[in-house]
Every structure is written in C-alpha cells, then in structure tokens.
Amino acid sequence: MTVTQMLQPRAGLRVLVTGGASGIGLVIARAFADADARVHVCDASRDTIDALATAEANRGTSGGAGAITATLADVSDRDAVERVFADVKAQLGGLDVLVNNAGIAGPTGGVDQIDPDEWDNTIDVNLNAQFYFARRAVPLLRDAPDGGAIIALSSVAGRLGYAYRTPYSATKWAIVGLTKSLAIELGPAGIRVNTIQPGIVKGPRIERVIAARAQQLGLSYEEMEKQYLEKVSLRRMTTPEEVAATALFLCSPGGSGISGQAISVCGNVEVL
C-alpha cells in the first residue's frame, strides 16, 4: 500500500454519525458515503431526516456502499439510543466507526443568569449522549475487522475558557477527558478513540452563537464577528469540509496509529 493509498478509508466501512442529518454531522456523513462507506445517522429533527431521505432518493442510493440511512432520535433519550442501535444492526449489520457528533450550543449568559434546566439539557445532549452511544457501540466495534474507531466532536472551547458559554465549554472539556480515558481502556482491543476540536465553523450555527453573544455584550453582529476572527491566527472561519476531512483521515490506514488525541481544526483559535 502506497502512502497515497493510506490516506483513503477502506471501502465498505460501517459508520454511525449522531446528529448527522444537518450541519457538520451531515458533511461528515456525506464524506464517508463518498468514500464508499455505509452510513447511518440519527437526528432529533424530523424535517432534516425527511430532507436527507429525499436527497438520498434523488441520488439513487439503495442501502449499499455510499448510502445514508437514518433514525429519528433524541440522543439524550436512552430508549431512543436503543432504537438507533437496533436500526444500525438492521441496516449495517455491525459497526466500524462511531462519530459522536450530536450537540447543542446551550445557553448564553453569565453563570448567575443561566437556567439550571438549560444547564442540565446541555450536559444531557453534549456529554451524556456521548457516553450512551459509546457504551452501546463498543461491543460492535470490538468485532470490526480492522479495529474500530470512535471520533468524538469536542470544540476549541474544550481547550480554552469561554466566558458566558460555560455549559457548552464544560461539556467540551469533559469530552476530551472521556476520549483520553476510553483510548487507554479500549486500545488493547484495537479500538482507537480521538476527538476533533473544531473552531469557528462557517454556517448558520455560528451565526446564531455570534448573534447571541453580541446581544449579551451589547455589540453589533459585525463587531462581534470581527472580534471572533481577530482571535484566529488564520483570520478566517473553519469549513465543515475541513472537519470532515480530518474525520476521514482518522479512519484511514494513515490514521491507524493515532489514538487518545484531541485534534484542533480551527485555524489556531488563540482565545475565546
């Protein structure tokens, strides 16, 4: 196998992407599908699930390599997680890769202003769900022919402090700890565990985050966006495709020696 060939994931990988019907998750799911993987996603939105199903029908996929199937599920609901894995077994017959992507922005506000219910919801969706999915995926990943892989989506807010976004940042730091612990635990079984820490990723979600923080600080959207980009060494946003490319590399033969790592794909965000 040449070095160039080592950069391509093996065709036919069985991949589960949580929160995979929109945003970064969808870009990751499509990247794996384009690499001839069989991909199943779950998502909490019926609208995004339906849009994905329509797109797949228009692409003419039929359940084989390159296909994306889906389950409607709230990742923080343990019963829903069980339904997802029942569908994974039915659609994929096993699992090679879990991409723990699902997450929410959580509330914006000072620590004394945050509603405890919003705090709990952020922990449930961003952190507890990653445990629920890893717990159910590991028995399947143990049987992966080339060794299984878990990729957890954290954030640059999981290596930097993030004022007024404490619930979000706390969960993203916790994901790094979960990743490093699972890498040690599962390494002897050949399962690699890594986390990707995206920075300011271009798209509707960051636009909402910037708007909320601008309101919190009494700034215009344009001034808030300018302040965000001034904190990035490359002075630009990261693209979802750059995040997806990193996920593919981690599942390629070229990434087979990488485990227990938190990899920032952020243009070097210096501070938040």
Protein backbone atom coordinates (compact mmCIF):
# COMPACT_ATOMS: atom_id res chain seq x y z
CA MET A 1 0.00 0.00 0.00
CA THR A 2 1.41 3.38 -1.00
CA VAL A 3 1.34 6.41 1.25
CA THR A 4 -1.30 7.97 -1.01
CA GLN A 5 -3.47 4.86 -0.70
CA MET A 6 -3.09 5.02 3.08
CA LEU A 7 -4.97 8.33 3.07
CA GLN A 8 -8.19 6.67 1.88
CA PRO A 9 -10.57 4.91 4.30
CA ARG A 10 -11.34 1.30 3.43
CA ALA A 11 -14.41 0.96 1.21
CA GLY A 12 -17.43 -0.52 2.91
CA LEU A 13 -16.83 0.92 6.39
CA ARG A 14 -19.98 0.83 8.53
CA VAL A 15 -20.35 4.27 10.11
CA LEU A 16 -22.79 5.80 12.58
CA VAL A 17 -22.92 9.61 12.84
CA THR A 18 -25.01 11.16 15.60
CA GLY A 19 -26.65 14.47 14.73
CA GLY A 20 -25.84 13.53 11.16
CA ALA A 21 -28.72 14.92 9.13
CA SER A 22 -27.61 18.55 9.17
CA GLY A 23 -24.63 20.82 9.78
CA ILE A 24 -21.17 19.38 10.38
CA GLY A 25 -22.67 15.94 11.00
CA LEU A 26 -24.22 15.82 7.55
CA VAL A 27 -20.98 16.94 5.89
CA ILE A 28 -19.14 14.16 7.77
CA ALA A 29 -21.79 11.60 6.82
CA ARG A 30 -21.63 12.56 3.15
CA ALA A 31 -17.82 12.49 3.19
CA PHE A 32 -17.86 8.90 4.43
CA ALA A 33 -20.57 7.98 1.93
CA ASP A 34 -18.50 9.49 -0.89
CA ALA A 35 -15.65 7.26 0.32
CA ASP A 36 -17.91 4.23 -0.26
CA ALA A 37 -18.86 3.74 3.37
CA ARG A 38 -22.27 2.57 4.51
CA VAL A 39 -23.54 5.32 6.76
CA HIS A 40 -26.37 5.52 9.26
CA VAL A 41 -27.23 8.78 11.01
CA CYS A 42 -29.57 9.82 13.76
CA ASP A 43 -31.03 13.25 14.25
CA ALA A 44 -33.61 14.90 16.52
CA SER A 45 -35.31 16.83 13.70
CA ARG A 46 -37.97 15.22 11.54
CA ASP A 47 -37.52 17.95 8.93
CA THR A 48 -33.80 17.25 8.50
CA ILE A 49 -34.39 13.48 8.42
CA ASP A 50 -37.02 13.93 5.70
CA ALA A 51 -34.75 16.25 3.71
CA LEU A 52 -31.96 13.69 3.91
CA ALA A 53 -34.26 10.89 2.78
CA THR A 54 -35.35 12.96 -0.22
CA ALA A 55 -31.75 13.75 -1.11
CA GLU A 56 -30.78 10.09 -0.86
CA ALA A 57 -33.70 9.08 -3.08
CA ASN A 58 -32.61 11.64 -5.65
CA ARG A 59 -29.06 10.27 -5.51
CA GLY A 60 -30.44 6.81 -6.23
CA THR A 61 -28.73 5.07 -3.29
CA SER A 62 -30.09 1.70 -2.24
CA GLY A 63 -28.58 0.74 1.10
CA GLY A 64 -25.13 -0.34 -0.09
CA ALA A 65 -21.80 1.47 -0.05
CA GLY A 66 -22.37 5.19 -0.43
CA ALA A 67 -25.84 5.06 1.09
CA ILE A 68 -27.05 7.03 4.11
CA THR A 69 -29.95 5.75 6.22
CA ALA A 70 -31.41 7.49 9.24
CA THR A 71 -33.26 7.21 12.56
CA LEU A 72 -35.23 9.98 14.23
CA ALA A 73 -33.87 10.14 17.78
CA ASP A 74 -33.14 12.44 20.70
CA VAL A 75 -29.59 11.42 21.63
CA SER A 76 -30.17 12.25 25.31
CA ASP A 77 -33.02 9.68 25.50
CA ARG A 78 -31.62 6.24 26.35
CA ASP A 79 -34.64 4.46 24.84
CA ALA A 80 -34.07 6.37 21.60
CA VAL A 81 -30.41 5.31 21.64
CA GLU A 82 -31.53 1.69 21.81
CA ARG A 83 -33.72 2.26 18.75
CA VAL A 84 -30.78 3.74 16.88
CA PHE A 85 -28.65 0.68 17.52
CA ALA A 86 -31.47 -1.64 16.51
CA ASP A 87 -31.54 0.21 13.19
CA VAL A 88 -27.73 0.11 12.93
CA LYS A 89 -27.79 -3.66 13.26
CA ALA A 90 -30.60 -3.93 10.72
CA GLN A 91 -29.12 -1.51 8.20
CA LEU A 92 -25.37 -2.06 8.62
CA GLY A 93 -25.09 -5.46 10.30
CA GLY A 94 -22.31 -4.15 12.56
CA LEU A 95 -20.18 -1.08 13.11
CA ASP A 96 -16.65 0.07 12.30
CA VAL A 97 -16.83 3.78 13.18
CA LEU A 98 -18.86 5.84 15.65
CA VAL A 99 -18.82 9.60 15.11
CA ASN A 100 -20.23 11.14 18.29
CA ASN A 101 -21.17 14.48 16.73
CA ALA A 102 -24.56 15.49 18.16
CA GLY A 103 -24.53 18.58 20.32
CA ILE A 104 -26.22 21.87 21.10
CA ALA A 105 -24.89 25.37 21.71
CA GLY A 106 -26.55 25.68 25.10
CA PRO A 107 -27.47 28.98 26.75
CA THR A 108 -25.52 32.23 26.55
CA GLY A 109 -25.29 34.21 29.77
CA GLY A 110 -23.44 34.86 33.00
CA VAL A 111 -23.22 31.96 35.41
CA ASP A 112 -25.75 33.63 37.71
CA GLN A 113 -28.18 34.04 34.80
CA ILE A 114 -28.20 30.52 33.40
CA ASP A 115 -31.33 28.46 33.99
CA PRO A 116 -30.36 25.18 35.70
CA ASP A 117 -32.70 23.30 33.35
CA GLU A 118 -30.76 24.67 30.36
CA TRP A 119 -27.52 23.63 32.05
CA ASP A 120 -28.88 20.09 32.56
CA ASN A 121 -30.08 19.88 28.95
CA THR A 122 -26.67 20.92 27.63
CA ILE A 123 -24.96 18.25 29.75
CA ASP A 124 -27.50 15.63 28.65
CA VAL A 125 -27.15 16.28 24.91
CA ASN A 126 -23.46 17.16 24.67
CA LEU A 127 -21.91 14.78 27.21
CA ASN A 128 -24.26 12.11 28.50
CA ALA A 129 -25.28 11.17 24.96
CA GLN A 130 -21.65 10.56 24.03
CA PHE A 131 -21.44 8.05 26.88
CA TYR A 132 -24.73 6.40 25.86
CA PHE A 133 -23.54 5.90 22.27
CA ALA A 134 -20.01 4.81 23.15
CA ARG A 135 -21.40 2.30 25.64
CA ARG A 136 -23.60 0.66 23.00
CA ALA A 137 -21.07 0.96 20.17
CA VAL A 138 -18.08 -0.67 21.86
CA PRO A 139 -19.39 -4.28 21.72
CA LEU A 140 -19.90 -3.83 17.97
CA LEU A 141 -16.57 -2.09 17.44
CA ARG A 142 -14.74 -4.98 19.12
CA ASP A 143 -15.80 -7.10 16.13
CA ALA A 144 -14.65 -4.60 13.49
CA PRO A 145 -12.21 -6.42 11.17
CA ASP A 146 -9.60 -3.64 11.11
CA GLY A 147 -10.15 -2.37 14.65
CA GLY A 148 -12.95 0.05 15.41
CA ALA A 149 -12.78 3.80 15.82
CA ILE A 150 -14.63 6.41 17.83
CA ILE A 151 -14.42 10.06 16.84
CA ALA A 152 -15.90 12.49 19.35
CA LEU A 153 -16.67 16.06 18.35
CA SER A 154 -15.50 18.44 21.04
CA SER A 155 -14.65 22.09 20.31
CA VAL A 156 -11.88 24.62 20.64
CA ALA A 157 -13.98 25.55 23.69
CA GLY A 158 -12.72 22.25 25.08
CA ARG A 159 -9.17 23.62 25.33
CA LEU A 160 -9.92 27.30 26.07
CA GLY A 161 -12.13 29.07 28.57
CA TYR A 162 -15.33 30.53 27.10
CA ALA A 163 -16.99 33.28 29.14
CA TYR A 164 -20.81 33.38 29.00
CA ARG A 165 -20.85 29.91 27.39
CA THR A 166 -19.91 27.87 30.47
CA PRO A 167 -22.31 24.92 29.98
CA TYR A 168 -21.08 24.38 26.43
CA SER A 169 -17.40 24.74 27.33
CA ALA A 170 -17.71 22.44 30.34
CA THR A 171 -19.14 19.65 28.19
CA LYS A 172 -16.49 20.08 25.52
CA TRP A 173 -13.67 19.85 28.08
CA ALA A 174 -15.34 16.73 29.52
CA ILE A 175 -15.43 15.09 26.08
CA VAL A 176 -11.63 15.36 25.90
CA GLY A 177 -11.35 13.55 29.24
CA LEU A 178 -13.78 10.89 28.07
CA THR A 179 -11.80 10.45 24.85
CA LYS A 180 -8.43 10.07 26.53
CA SER A 181 -9.81 7.64 29.10
CA LEU A 182 -11.55 5.48 26.51
CA ALA A 183 -8.43 5.43 24.33
CA ILE A 184 -6.50 3.84 27.20
CA GLU A 185 -9.33 1.47 28.08
CA LEU A 186 -10.10 0.30 24.55
CA GLY A 187 -6.66 0.40 22.97
CA PRO A 188 -5.85 -3.24 23.83
CA ALA A 189 -8.95 -4.24 21.84
CA GLY A 190 -7.66 -2.32 18.80
CA ILE A 191 -10.26 0.44 19.14
CA ARG A 192 -8.91 3.94 18.56
CA VAL A 193 -10.58 6.95 20.19
CA ASN A 194 -9.90 10.55 19.21
CA THR A 195 -11.64 13.88 19.44
CA ILE A 196 -11.82 16.68 16.89
CA GLN A 197 -11.99 20.23 18.22
CA PRO A 198 -13.50 22.47 15.54
CA GLY A 199 -13.05 26.19 15.87
CA ILE A 200 -15.34 28.85 14.45
CA VAL A 201 -17.06 26.77 11.78
CA LYS A 202 -18.77 28.59 8.96
CA GLY A 203 -22.54 28.09 8.88
CA PRO A 204 -25.89 29.02 10.45
CA ARG A 205 -24.98 27.70 13.90
CA ILE A 206 -22.04 30.03 14.47
CA GLU A 207 -24.13 32.90 13.13
CA ARG A 208 -26.66 32.25 15.90
CA VAL A 209 -23.88 31.99 18.51
CA ILE A 210 -22.30 35.26 17.39
CA ALA A 211 -25.67 37.00 17.44
CA ALA A 212 -26.45 35.76 20.96
CA ARG A 213 -23.06 36.82 22.31
CA ALA A 214 -23.30 40.20 20.57
CA GLN A 215 -26.61 40.77 22.32
CA GLN A 216 -25.11 39.68 25.66
CA LEU A 217 -22.25 42.18 25.29
CA GLY A 218 -24.26 44.99 23.66
CA LEU A 219 -22.36 44.87 20.36
CA SER A 220 -23.41 44.74 16.72
CA TYR A 221 -23.23 41.40 14.91
CA GLU A 222 -20.48 42.76 12.65
CA GLU A 223 -18.32 43.92 15.56
CA MET A 224 -18.80 40.61 17.36
CA GLU A 225 -17.86 38.61 14.25
CA LYS A 226 -14.77 40.82 13.79
CA GLN A 227 -13.71 40.14 17.37
CA TYR A 228 -14.13 36.39 16.85
CA LEU A 229 -11.97 36.35 13.72
CA GLU A 230 -9.27 38.53 15.28
CA LYS A 231 -8.71 35.70 17.78
CA VAL A 232 -7.97 33.19 14.99
CA SER A 233 -4.38 33.10 13.73
CA LEU A 234 -5.52 32.43 10.15
CA ARG A 235 -8.17 35.19 10.44
CA ARG A 236 -10.86 33.02 8.88
CA MET A 237 -13.52 30.51 9.83
CA THR A 238 -13.00 26.77 9.52
CA THR A 239 -15.19 24.93 6.99
CA PRO A 240 -17.27 21.84 7.76
CA GLU A 241 -15.39 20.07 4.97
CA GLU A 242 -12.08 20.58 6.80
CA VAL A 243 -13.57 18.91 9.87
CA ALA A 244 -14.95 16.03 7.77
CA ALA A 245 -11.59 15.52 6.05
CA THR A 246 -9.94 15.11 9.44
CA ALA A 247 -12.55 12.52 10.44
CA LEU A 248 -11.86 10.55 7.25
CA PHE A 249 -8.11 10.66 7.83
CA LEU A 250 -8.52 9.33 11.36
CA CYS A 251 -10.37 6.33 9.89
CA SER A 252 -7.86 5.70 7.11
CA PRO A 253 -4.81 3.41 7.30
CA GLY A 254 -2.74 6.58 7.57
CA GLY A 255 -4.51 7.41 10.84
CA SER A 256 -4.26 3.91 12.28
CA GLY A 257 -1.52 4.91 14.74
CA ILE A 258 -3.43 7.86 16.19
CA SER A 259 -5.43 7.41 19.39
CA GLY A 260 -6.15 9.39 22.53
CA GLN A 261 -5.64 12.71 20.75
CA ALA A 262 -7.57 15.99 20.79
CA ILE A 263 -7.01 17.47 17.34
CA SER A 264 -7.92 21.11 16.80
CA VAL A 265 -9.21 22.04 13.34
CA CYS A 266 -9.59 25.72 13.98
CA GLY A 267 -7.02 27.89 12.20
CA ASN A 268 -5.42 28.21 15.66
CA VAL A 269 -8.00 29.97 17.78
CA GLU A 270 -5.86 31.82 20.32
CA VAL A 271 -8.51 32.80 22.85
CA LEU A 272 -12.31 32.85 23.12
